[in-house]
Amino acid sequence: MTGKELMRMLYPSQDCMVSVLDVGAIDLKVADAPYSQMVQNNYARVVGFEPDVAGCEALNKKYGSPHLFLPHFIYDGKPATFYETNWALTGSLFKPNQPLLEKFNNLHELMTFKAEHPVETKRLDDIPEVGDIDFVKIDVQGAELSIFENGERVLRNAVVVQTEVAFVEMYENQPLFAEVDQLMRSYGYQFHTFLGFAGRCFKPMVVNNDVNQRNRQILWSDAVYVKDWLNFGRLSLDKLKKLALVLHEFKSFDLSLLVLKEIDTRGATNLANRYFASITAMPPTKL
């Protein structure tokens, strides 16, 4: 079953639009973005942020309606410092932790501090254009926790969150996974899965001539959180449907099935059995 087929099963007589908030590296055509198929099939709208005004205008021109990109640094609403690095994707509101980075292959080389820039930031909850979000994806090089703390309204309305988490301080004083996990649980989420684990070898060891391959040390990952599956009764029918759609894109078929069972209890439908029959007829899926 494709995501589009599931969408039509859930919304047979009306249009569906999953609201996605992407804070961080944004490219709607990245093949492994969990919402890419929903965007391509026209049932997901993305709100994103690009602090550079010219870059933001280019994104809005490239992708157009119904997507929207806003020229803001998202953080705690106070003045901050942006630490520019030699690779744009590793710039951050936290300064690279050079003594730690230099212990590993090919980290200092990608995160070398270049310059400081004073910036103005905005709180996620203070941006009216964000609206009612279903799925949050965030990758902001250490600033995730503060964004979540200042985005309670958005997080409490959403049903799935994908966030980068760190297990060591690659940036000075950045919050780590344990702190993010504690906050997410306080917002009514359950931890669901990690999307792989990234790391590096301690110098001077190199595995298979690949400086990006780790031995045992794990440095970061993406964690996925789902609105508490012990309390589905707190979610509206529409939010349950959006949850099932997003979980399907993560190949979380078992949890999507559980959501469909809850939907069936509310409307005397047969969605779960139809979904189960379709999923079990599919070729084996590599997770």
C-alpha atoms as a PDB file:
ATOM      1  CA  MET A   1       0.000   0.000   0.000  1.00  0.00           C
ATOM      2  CA  THR A   2       1.319   3.431  -0.894  1.00  0.00           C
ATOM      3  CA  GLY A   3       0.885   6.480   1.292  1.00  0.00           C
ATOM      4  CA  LYS A   4      -1.424   7.970  -1.314  1.00  0.00           C
ATOM      5  CA  GLU A   5      -3.609   4.854  -1.241  1.00  0.00           C
ATOM      6  CA  LEU A   6      -3.806   5.071   2.539  1.00  0.00           C
ATOM      7  CA  MET A   7      -4.689   8.759   2.299  1.00  0.00           C
ATOM      8  CA  ARG A   8      -7.580   7.973  -0.070  1.00  0.00           C
ATOM      9  CA  MET A   9      -8.738   5.217   2.252  1.00  0.00           C
ATOM     10  CA  LEU A  10      -8.784   7.641   5.191  1.00  0.00           C
ATOM     11  CA  TYR A  11     -10.241  10.585   3.257  1.00  0.00           C
ATOM     12  CA  PRO A  12     -12.429   9.038   0.544  1.00  0.00           C
ATOM     13  CA  SER A  13     -14.623  12.056  -0.064  1.00  0.00           C
ATOM     14  CA  GLN A  14     -12.487  15.065   0.856  1.00  0.00           C
ATOM     15  CA  ASP A  15      -9.018  16.539   0.414  1.00  0.00           C
ATOM     16  CA  CYS A  16      -6.328  15.959   2.994  1.00  0.00           C
ATOM     17  CA  MET A  17      -3.417  18.254   3.815  1.00  0.00           C
ATOM     18  CA  VAL A  18      -0.823  17.175   6.376  1.00  0.00           C
ATOM     19  CA  SER A  19       0.875  20.251   7.879  1.00  0.00           C
ATOM     20  CA  VAL A  20       4.645  19.823   8.153  1.00  0.00           C
ATOM     21  CA  LEU A  21       7.024  22.141   9.997  1.00  0.00           C
ATOM     22  CA  ASP A  22      10.657  21.764   8.910  1.00  0.00           C
ATOM     23  CA  VAL A  23      13.150  23.718  11.017  1.00  0.00           C
ATOM     24  CA  GLY A  24      16.672  23.326   9.675  1.00  0.00           C
ATOM     25  CA  ALA A  25      18.085  21.880   6.481  1.00  0.00           C
ATOM     26  CA  ILE A  26      15.207  21.974   3.996  1.00  0.00           C
ATOM     27  CA  ASP A  27      14.950  20.361   0.580  1.00  0.00           C
ATOM     28  CA  LEU A  28      11.551  19.051  -0.408  1.00  0.00           C
ATOM     29  CA  LYS A  29      13.113  16.786  -3.021  1.00  0.00           C
ATOM     30  CA  VAL A  30      15.451  14.893  -0.710  1.00  0.00           C
ATOM     31  CA  ALA A  31      14.479  11.272  -1.341  1.00  0.00           C
ATOM     32  CA  ASP A  32      14.764  10.167   2.283  1.00  0.00           C
ATOM     33  CA  ALA A  33      12.816  13.075   3.791  1.00  0.00           C
ATOM     34  CA  PRO A  34       9.911  11.346   5.587  1.00  0.00           C
ATOM     35  CA  TYR A  35       7.376  13.729   4.091  1.00  0.00           C
ATOM     36  CA  SER A  36       8.733  13.815   0.522  1.00  0.00           C
ATOM     37  CA  GLN A  37       6.162  11.409  -0.921  1.00  0.00           C
ATOM     38  CA  MET A  38       3.329  13.279   0.756  1.00  0.00           C
ATOM     39  CA  VAL A  39       4.573  16.524  -0.800  1.00  0.00           C
ATOM     40  CA  GLN A  40       4.990  14.968  -4.233  1.00  0.00           C
ATOM     41  CA  ASN A  41       1.457  13.564  -4.041  1.00  0.00           C
ATOM     42  CA  ASN A  42       0.029  16.926  -2.972  1.00  0.00           C
ATOM     43  CA  TYR A  43      -1.270  16.064   0.468  1.00  0.00           C
ATOM     44  CA  ALA A  44       1.386  17.774   2.605  1.00  0.00           C
ATOM     45  CA  ARG A  45       2.118  21.467   3.118  1.00  0.00           C
ATOM     46  CA  VAL A  46       5.529  22.510   4.454  1.00  0.00           C
ATOM     47  CA  VAL A  47       6.313  25.592   6.532  1.00  0.00           C
ATOM     48  CA  GLY A  48      10.048  26.136   6.830  1.00  0.00           C
ATOM     49  CA  PHE A  49      12.643  28.695   7.835  1.00  0.00           C
ATOM     50  CA  GLU A  50      15.581  30.207   5.967  1.00  0.00           C
ATOM     51  CA  PRO A  51      17.128  33.185   7.839  1.00  0.00           C
ATOM     52  CA  ASP A  52      18.801  34.569   4.702  1.00  0.00           C
ATOM     53  CA  VAL A  53      16.187  36.814   3.035  1.00  0.00           C
ATOM     54  CA  ALA A  54      17.397  36.147  -0.506  1.00  0.00           C
ATOM     55  CA  GLY A  55      17.566  32.412   0.166  1.00  0.00           C
ATOM     56  CA  CYS A  56      14.083  32.468   1.661  1.00  0.00           C
ATOM     57  CA  GLU A  57      12.699  34.270  -1.392  1.00  0.00           C
ATOM     58  CA  ALA A  58      14.376  31.691  -3.633  1.00  0.00           C
ATOM     59  CA  LEU A  59      12.757  28.820  -1.725  1.00  0.00           C
ATOM     60  CA  ASN A  60       9.319  30.399  -1.927  1.00  0.00           C
ATOM     61  CA  LYS A  61       9.806  30.948  -5.650  1.00  0.00           C
ATOM     62  CA  LYS A  62      11.081  27.403  -6.191  1.00  0.00           C
ATOM     63  CA  TYR A  63       8.370  25.546  -4.276  1.00  0.00           C
ATOM     64  CA  GLY A  64       5.467  27.998  -4.185  1.00  0.00           C
ATOM     65  CA  SER A  65       2.025  27.490  -2.693  1.00  0.00           C
ATOM     66  CA  PRO A  66       0.908  25.781  -0.531  1.00  0.00           C
ATOM     67  CA  HIS A  67       4.420  25.755   0.976  1.00  0.00           C
ATOM     68  CA  LEU A  68       5.747  28.740   2.909  1.00  0.00           C
ATOM     69  CA  PHE A  69       9.275  29.720   3.946  1.00  0.00           C
ATOM     70  CA  LEU A  70       9.939  32.463   6.493  1.00  0.00           C
ATOM     71  CA  PRO A  71      13.186  34.458   7.036  1.00  0.00           C
ATOM     72  CA  HIS A  72      13.665  33.824  10.765  1.00  0.00           C
ATOM     73  CA  PHE A  73      16.186  32.347  13.162  1.00  0.00           C
ATOM     74  CA  ILE A  74      14.035  30.168  15.423  1.00  0.00           C
ATOM     75  CA  TYR A  75      15.196  29.983  19.042  1.00  0.00           C
ATOM     76  CA  ASP A  76      14.072  31.721  22.278  1.00  0.00           C
ATOM     77  CA  GLY A  77      13.049  35.148  20.951  1.00  0.00           C
ATOM     78  CA  LYS A  78      16.149  36.903  22.311  1.00  0.00           C
ATOM     79  CA  PRO A  79      19.267  38.267  20.573  1.00  0.00           C
ATOM     80  CA  ALA A  80      21.786  35.491  19.960  1.00  0.00           C
ATOM     81  CA  THR A  81      25.077  34.753  18.252  1.00  0.00           C
ATOM     82  CA  PHE A  82      25.317  32.638  15.123  1.00  0.00           C
ATOM     83  CA  TYR A  83      28.606  30.771  14.820  1.00  0.00           C
ATOM     84  CA  GLU A  84      29.567  30.448  11.176  1.00  0.00           C
ATOM     85  CA  THR A  85      31.637  27.409  10.225  1.00  0.00           C
ATOM     86  CA  ASN A  86      33.536  26.335   7.128  1.00  0.00           C
ATOM     87  CA  TRP A  87      30.555  24.180   6.036  1.00  0.00           C
ATOM     88  CA  ALA A  88      27.166  25.891   5.972  1.00  0.00           C
ATOM     89  CA  LEU A  89      25.276  22.874   7.327  1.00  0.00           C
ATOM     90  CA  THR A  90      27.264  22.876  10.592  1.00  0.00           C
ATOM     91  CA  GLY A  91      26.770  26.550  11.499  1.00  0.00           C
ATOM     92  CA  SER A  92      24.919  26.920  14.801  1.00  0.00           C
ATOM     93  CA  LEU A  93      23.732  29.132  17.629  1.00  0.00           C
ATOM     94  CA  PHE A  94      26.202  27.083  19.676  1.00  0.00           C
ATOM     95  CA  LYS A  95      29.972  27.307  19.220  1.00  0.00           C
ATOM     96  CA  PRO A  96      31.709  24.156  17.907  1.00  0.00           C
ATOM     97  CA  ASN A  97      33.453  22.226  20.676  1.00  0.00           C
ATOM     98  CA  GLN A  98      36.834  22.033  19.003  1.00  0.00           C
ATOM     99  CA  PRO A  99      38.723  19.991  21.667  1.00  0.00           C
ATOM    100  CA  LEU A 100      36.091  17.237  21.375  1.00  0.00           C
ATOM    101  CA  LEU A 101      35.800  17.431  17.587  1.00  0.00           C
ATOM    102  CA  GLU A 102      39.544  17.062  17.124  1.00  0.00           C
ATOM    103  CA  LYS A 103      39.419  13.650  18.822  1.00  0.00           C
ATOM    104  CA  PHE A 104      37.541  12.198  15.827  1.00  0.00           C
ATOM    105  CA  ASN A 105      38.072  11.733  12.116  1.00  0.00           C
ATOM    106  CA  ASN A 106      36.514  14.323   9.813  1.00  0.00           C
ATOM    107  CA  LEU A 107      34.567  16.349  12.372  1.00  0.00           C
ATOM    108  CA  HIS A 108      36.789  19.339  13.058  1.00  0.00           C
ATOM    109  CA  GLU A 109      37.326  19.473   9.286  1.00  0.00           C
ATOM    110  CA  LEU A 110      33.569  19.973   8.746  1.00  0.00           C
ATOM    111  CA  MET A 111      32.867  22.173  11.771  1.00  0.00           C
ATOM    112  CA  THR A 112      35.724  24.664  11.882  1.00  0.00           C
ATOM    113  CA  PHE A 113      34.672  27.954  13.473  1.00  0.00           C
ATOM    114  CA  LYS A 114      35.032  30.966  11.154  1.00  0.00           C
ATOM    115  CA  ALA A 115      33.113  33.966  12.494  1.00  0.00           C
ATOM    116  CA  GLU A 116      30.445  35.228  14.914  1.00  0.00           C
ATOM    117  CA  HIS A 117      27.319  37.065  13.767  1.00  0.00           C
ATOM    118  CA  PRO A 118      24.768  38.768  16.057  1.00  0.00           C
ATOM    119  CA  VAL A 119      21.237  37.695  15.097  1.00  0.00           C
ATOM    120  CA  GLU A 120      17.666  38.258  16.230  1.00  0.00           C
ATOM    121  CA  THR A 121      15.635  35.140  16.997  1.00  0.00           C
ATOM    122  CA  LYS A 122      11.940  34.358  17.244  1.00  0.00           C
ATOM    123  CA  ARG A 123       9.990  31.928  19.395  1.00  0.00           C
ATOM    124  CA  LEU A 124       8.205  29.213  17.468  1.00  0.00           C
ATOM    125  CA  ASP A 125       4.947  29.881  19.327  1.00  0.00           C
ATOM    126  CA  ASP A 126       5.052  33.578  18.338  1.00  0.00           C
ATOM    127  CA  ILE A 127       4.867  32.971  14.581  1.00  0.00           C
ATOM    128  CA  PRO A 128       1.210  32.986  13.486  1.00  0.00           C
ATOM    129  CA  GLU A 129       1.978  31.607  10.021  1.00  0.00           C
ATOM    130  CA  VAL A 130       3.003  28.300  11.571  1.00  0.00           C
ATOM    131  CA  GLY A 131      -0.579  27.462  12.537  1.00  0.00           C
ATOM    132  CA  ASP A 132      -1.746  23.953  13.429  1.00  0.00           C
ATOM    133  CA  ILE A 133       1.105  21.540  12.681  1.00  0.00           C
ATOM    134  CA  ASP A 134       0.839  17.742  12.416  1.00  0.00           C
ATOM    135  CA  PHE A 135       4.473  16.720  11.881  1.00  0.00           C
ATOM    136  CA  VAL A 136       7.599  18.542  13.079  1.00  0.00           C
ATOM    137  CA  LYS A 137      11.047  17.853  11.626  1.00  0.00           C
ATOM    138  CA  ILE A 138      13.928  19.730  13.221  1.00  0.00           C
ATOM    139  CA  ASP A 139      17.698  19.745  12.695  1.00  0.00           C
ATOM    140  CA  VAL A 140      19.352  22.883  14.065  1.00  0.00           C
ATOM    141  CA  GLN A 141      22.761  21.796  15.330  1.00  0.00           C
ATOM    142  CA  GLY A 142      22.150  21.891  19.077  1.00  0.00           C
ATOM    143  CA  ALA A 143      19.323  24.424  19.417  1.00  0.00           C
ATOM    144  CA  GLU A 144      16.476  21.877  19.393  1.00  0.00           C
ATOM    145  CA  LEU A 145      15.721  21.922  23.133  1.00  0.00           C
ATOM    146  CA  SER A 146      15.305  25.695  23.401  1.00  0.00           C
ATOM    147  CA  ILE A 147      13.105  25.739  20.293  1.00  0.00           C
ATOM    148  CA  PHE A 148      10.898  23.062  21.852  1.00  0.00           C
ATOM    149  CA  GLU A 149      10.748  24.933  25.168  1.00  0.00           C
ATOM    150  CA  ASN A 150       9.531  27.994  23.269  1.00  0.00           C
ATOM    151  CA  GLY A 151       7.200  26.036  21.020  1.00  0.00           C
ATOM    152  CA  GLU A 152       4.889  24.289  23.458  1.00  0.00           C
ATOM    153  CA  ARG A 153       1.733  25.288  21.561  1.00  0.00           C
ATOM    154  CA  VAL A 154       3.077  23.834  18.315  1.00  0.00           C
ATOM    155  CA  LEU A 155       4.401  20.677  19.950  1.00  0.00           C
ATOM    156  CA  ARG A 156       1.226  19.950  21.887  1.00  0.00           C
ATOM    157  CA  ASN A 157      -0.842  20.169  18.679  1.00  0.00           C
ATOM    158  CA  ALA A 158       1.489  18.014  16.583  1.00  0.00           C
ATOM    159  CA  VAL A 159       1.386  14.204  16.583  1.00  0.00           C
ATOM    160  CA  VAL A 160       4.872  13.226  15.323  1.00  0.00           C
ATOM    161  CA  VAL A 161       8.256  14.877  15.902  1.00  0.00           C
ATOM    162  CA  GLN A 162      11.547  13.960  14.242  1.00  0.00           C
ATOM    163  CA  THR A 163      14.483  15.682  15.899  1.00  0.00           C
ATOM    164  CA  GLU A 164      18.232  15.413  15.673  1.00  0.00           C
ATOM    165  CA  VAL A 165      19.706  14.484  19.061  1.00  0.00           C
ATOM    166  CA  ALA A 166      23.299  14.417  20.255  1.00  0.00           C
ATOM    167  CA  PHE A 167      24.917  12.064  22.743  1.00  0.00           C
ATOM    168  CA  VAL A 168      28.088  14.132  23.262  1.00  0.00           C
ATOM    169  CA  GLU A 169      28.678  17.903  23.212  1.00  0.00           C
ATOM    170  CA  MET A 170      29.827  18.527  19.644  1.00  0.00           C
ATOM    171  CA  TYR A 171      28.875  22.143  20.326  1.00  0.00           C
ATOM    172  CA  GLU A 172      29.769  23.852  23.589  1.00  0.00           C
ATOM    173  CA  ASN A 173      27.042  23.371  26.225  1.00  0.00           C
ATOM    174  CA  GLN A 174      24.516  21.951  23.769  1.00  0.00           C
ATOM    175  CA  PRO A 175      21.643  20.001  25.375  1.00  0.00           C
ATOM    176  CA  LEU A 176      21.892  16.253  24.874  1.00  0.00           C
ATOM    177  CA  PHE A 177      19.391  13.493  24.121  1.00  0.00           C
ATOM    178  CA  ALA A 178      18.368  12.926  27.743  1.00  0.00           C
ATOM    179  CA  GLU A 179      17.202  16.532  28.124  1.00  0.00           C
ATOM    180  CA  VAL A 180      15.269  16.517  24.847  1.00  0.00           C
ATOM    181  CA  ASP A 181      13.679  13.184  25.747  1.00  0.00           C
ATOM    182  CA  GLN A 182      12.519  14.444  29.137  1.00  0.00           C
ATOM    183  CA  LEU A 183      10.862  17.512  27.604  1.00  0.00           C
ATOM    184  CA  MET A 184       9.167  15.519  24.851  1.00  0.00           C
ATOM    185  CA  ARG A 185       7.642  13.150  27.370  1.00  0.00           C
ATOM    186  CA  SER A 186       6.351  16.121  29.365  1.00  0.00           C
ATOM    187  CA  TYR A 187       4.538  17.243  26.180  1.00  0.00           C
ATOM    188  CA  GLY A 188       2.723  13.919  25.910  1.00  0.00           C
ATOM    189  CA  TYR A 189       4.980  12.054  23.480  1.00  0.00           C
ATOM    190  CA  GLN A 190       6.380   8.541  23.577  1.00  0.00           C
ATOM    191  CA  PHE A 191       9.792   7.756  22.135  1.00  0.00           C
ATOM    192  CA  HIS A 192       9.317   5.676  18.975  1.00  0.00           C
ATOM    193  CA  THR A 193      12.587   5.013  17.158  1.00  0.00           C
ATOM    194  CA  PHE A 194      16.046   6.174  16.146  1.00  0.00           C
ATOM    195  CA  LEU A 195      16.724   6.652  12.438  1.00  0.00           C
ATOM    196  CA  GLY A 196      20.189   5.136  12.390  1.00  0.00           C
ATOM    197  CA  PHE A 197      23.219   6.159  14.416  1.00  0.00           C
ATOM    198  CA  ALA A 198      26.085   8.386  13.302  1.00  0.00           C
ATOM    199  CA  GLY A 199      29.597   8.545  14.655  1.00  0.00           C
ATOM    200  CA  ARG A 200      33.279   8.598  13.853  1.00  0.00           C
ATOM    201  CA  CYS A 201      36.381   6.660  14.842  1.00  0.00           C
ATOM    202  CA  PHE A 202      38.694   8.170  17.383  1.00  0.00           C
ATOM    203  CA  LYS A 203      41.884   9.276  15.663  1.00  0.00           C
ATOM    204  CA  PRO A 204      44.078   7.774  14.293  1.00  0.00           C
ATOM    205  CA  MET A 205      42.001   4.662  13.483  1.00  0.00           C
ATOM    206  CA  VAL A 206      40.203   4.524  10.131  1.00  0.00           C
ATOM    207  CA  VAL A 207      37.802   1.676   9.224  1.00  0.00           C
ATOM    208  CA  ASN A 208      37.654   0.472   5.606  1.00  0.00           C
ATOM    209  CA  ASN A 209      39.534   3.578   4.463  1.00  0.00           C
ATOM    210  CA  ASP A 210      36.416   5.626   5.275  1.00  0.00           C
ATOM    211  CA  VAL A 211      36.977   8.595   7.609  1.00  0.00           C
ATOM    212  CA  ASN A 212      33.231   8.891   8.160  1.00  0.00           C
ATOM    213  CA  GLN A 213      32.737   5.328   9.424  1.00  0.00           C
ATOM    214  CA  ARG A 214      32.500   4.735  13.144  1.00  0.00           C
ATOM    215  CA  ASN A 215      33.755   1.843  15.241  1.00  0.00           C
ATOM    216  CA  ARG A 216      31.665   1.918  18.436  1.00  0.00           C
ATOM    217  CA  GLN A 217      31.338   5.562  19.420  1.00  0.00           C
ATOM    218  CA  ILE A 218      27.891   6.995  18.648  1.00  0.00           C
ATOM    219  CA  LEU A 219      27.710  10.774  18.413  1.00  0.00           C
ATOM    220  CA  TRP A 220      24.255  11.690  17.095  1.00  0.00           C
ATOM    221  CA  SER A 221      21.041  10.370  15.602  1.00  0.00           C
ATOM    222  CA  ASP A 222      17.524  11.414  14.624  1.00  0.00           C
ATOM    223  CA  ALA A 223      14.888  10.459  17.201  1.00  0.00           C
ATOM    224  CA  VAL A 224      11.193  10.062  16.353  1.00  0.00           C
ATOM    225  CA  TYR A 225       8.511  10.794  18.948  1.00  0.00           C
ATOM    226  CA  VAL A 226       4.807   9.954  18.632  1.00  0.00           C
ATOM    227  CA  LYS A 227       1.855  11.296  20.576  1.00  0.00           C
ATOM    228  CA  ASP A 228       1.257   8.878  23.409  1.00  0.00           C
ATOM    229  CA  TRP A 229      -0.135   5.631  21.995  1.00  0.00           C
ATOM    230  CA  LEU A 230      -1.477   4.782  25.464  1.00  0.00           C
ATOM    231  CA  ASN A 231      -3.811   7.781  25.241  1.00  0.00           C
ATOM    232  CA  PHE A 232      -5.135   7.915  21.680  1.00  0.00           C
ATOM    233  CA  GLY A 233      -8.476   8.956  23.121  1.00  0.00           C
ATOM    234  CA  ARG A 234      -7.069  12.459  23.625  1.00  0.00           C
ATOM    235  CA  LEU A 235      -6.597  12.945  19.861  1.00  0.00           C
ATOM    236  CA  SER A 236      -9.255  14.108  17.427  1.00  0.00           C
ATOM    237  CA  LEU A 237     -10.282  11.834  14.577  1.00  0.00           C
ATOM    238  CA  ASP A 238      -8.485  14.060  12.057  1.00  0.00           C
ATOM    239  CA  LYS A 239      -5.257  14.025  14.089  1.00  0.00           C
ATOM    240  CA  LEU A 240      -5.437  10.227  14.292  1.00  0.00           C
ATOM    241  CA  LYS A 241      -5.704  10.039  10.511  1.00  0.00           C
ATOM    242  CA  LYS A 242      -2.721  12.371  10.069  1.00  0.00           C
ATOM    243  CA  LEU A 243      -0.784  10.270  12.571  1.00  0.00           C
ATOM    244  CA  ALA A 244      -1.482   7.083  10.612  1.00  0.00           C
ATOM    245  CA  LEU A 245      -0.318   8.754   7.375  1.00  0.00           C
ATOM    246  CA  VAL A 246       2.954  10.039   8.824  1.00  0.00           C
ATOM    247  CA  LEU A 247       3.739   6.731  10.540  1.00  0.00           C
ATOM    248  CA  HIS A 248       3.185   4.917   7.249  1.00  0.00           C
ATOM    249  CA  GLU A 249       5.878   7.098   5.649  1.00  0.00           C
ATOM    250  CA  PHE A 250       8.283   6.017   8.402  1.00  0.00           C
ATOM    251  CA  LYS A 251       7.405   2.369   7.590  1.00  0.00           C
ATOM    252  CA  SER A 252       6.020   2.107  11.131  1.00  0.00           C
ATOM    253  CA  PHE A 253       3.302  -0.214   9.875  1.00  0.00           C
ATOM    254  CA  ASP A 254       2.520  -1.835  13.221  1.00  0.00           C
ATOM    255  CA  LEU A 255       1.888   1.453  14.992  1.00  0.00           C
ATOM    256  CA  SER A 256      -0.036   2.828  12.019  1.00  0.00           C
ATOM    257  CA  LEU A 257      -2.242  -0.280  12.250  1.00  0.00           C
ATOM    258  CA  LEU A 258      -2.834   0.435  15.950  1.00  0.00           C
ATOM    259  CA  VAL A 259      -3.949   3.964  15.070  1.00  0.00           C
ATOM    260  CA  LEU A 260      -6.332   2.620  12.429  1.00  0.00           C
ATOM    261  CA  LYS A 261      -7.861   0.275  15.004  1.00  0.00           C
ATOM    262  CA  GLU A 262      -8.605   3.294  17.186  1.00  0.00           C
ATOM    263  CA  ILE A 263     -10.193   5.068  14.208  1.00  0.00           C
ATOM    264  CA  ASP A 264     -12.342   1.987  13.523  1.00  0.00           C
ATOM    265  CA  THR A 265     -13.685   2.000  17.084  1.00  0.00           C
ATOM    266  CA  ARG A 266     -14.945   5.557  16.584  1.00  0.00           C
ATOM    267  CA  GLY A 267     -16.658   5.131  13.241  1.00  0.00           C
ATOM    268  CA  ALA A 268     -17.505   1.452  12.808  1.00  0.00           C
ATOM    269  CA  THR A 269     -15.141   1.307   9.810  1.00  0.00           C
ATOM    270  CA  ASN A 270     -12.916  -1.537   8.630  1.00  0.00           C
ATOM    271  CA  LEU A 271      -9.714   0.393   7.943  1.00  0.00           C
ATOM    272  CA  ALA A 272      -7.389  -1.728  10.079  1.00  0.00           C
ATOM    273  CA  ASN A 273      -8.294  -5.028   8.396  1.00  0.00           C
ATOM    274  CA  ARG A 274      -7.945  -3.518   4.928  1.00  0.00           C
ATOM    275  CA  TYR A 275      -4.584  -2.004   5.844  1.00  0.00           C
ATOM    276  CA  PHE A 276      -3.306  -5.212   7.435  1.00  0.00           C
ATOM    277  CA  ALA A 277      -4.247  -7.248   4.360  1.00  0.00           C
ATOM    278  CA  SER A 278      -2.458  -4.807   2.077  1.00  0.00           C
ATOM    279  CA  ILE A 279       0.686  -4.496   4.210  1.00  0.00           C
ATOM    280  CA  THR A 280       1.120  -8.242   4.697  1.00  0.00           C
ATOM    281  CA  ALA A 281       0.804  -8.749   0.928  1.00  0.00           C
ATOM    282  CA  MET A 282       3.718  -6.371   0.282  1.00  0.00           C
ATOM    283  CA  PRO A 283       7.265  -7.658  -0.358  1.00  0.00           C
ATOM    284  CA  PRO A 284       9.495  -7.684   2.746  1.00  0.00           C
ATOM    285  CA  THR A 285      10.519  -4.161   3.732  1.00  0.00           C
ATOM    286  CA  LYS A 286      14.022  -3.218   4.832  1.00  0.00           C
ATOM    287  CA  LEU A 287      13.714  -0.983   7.889  1.00  0.00           C
END
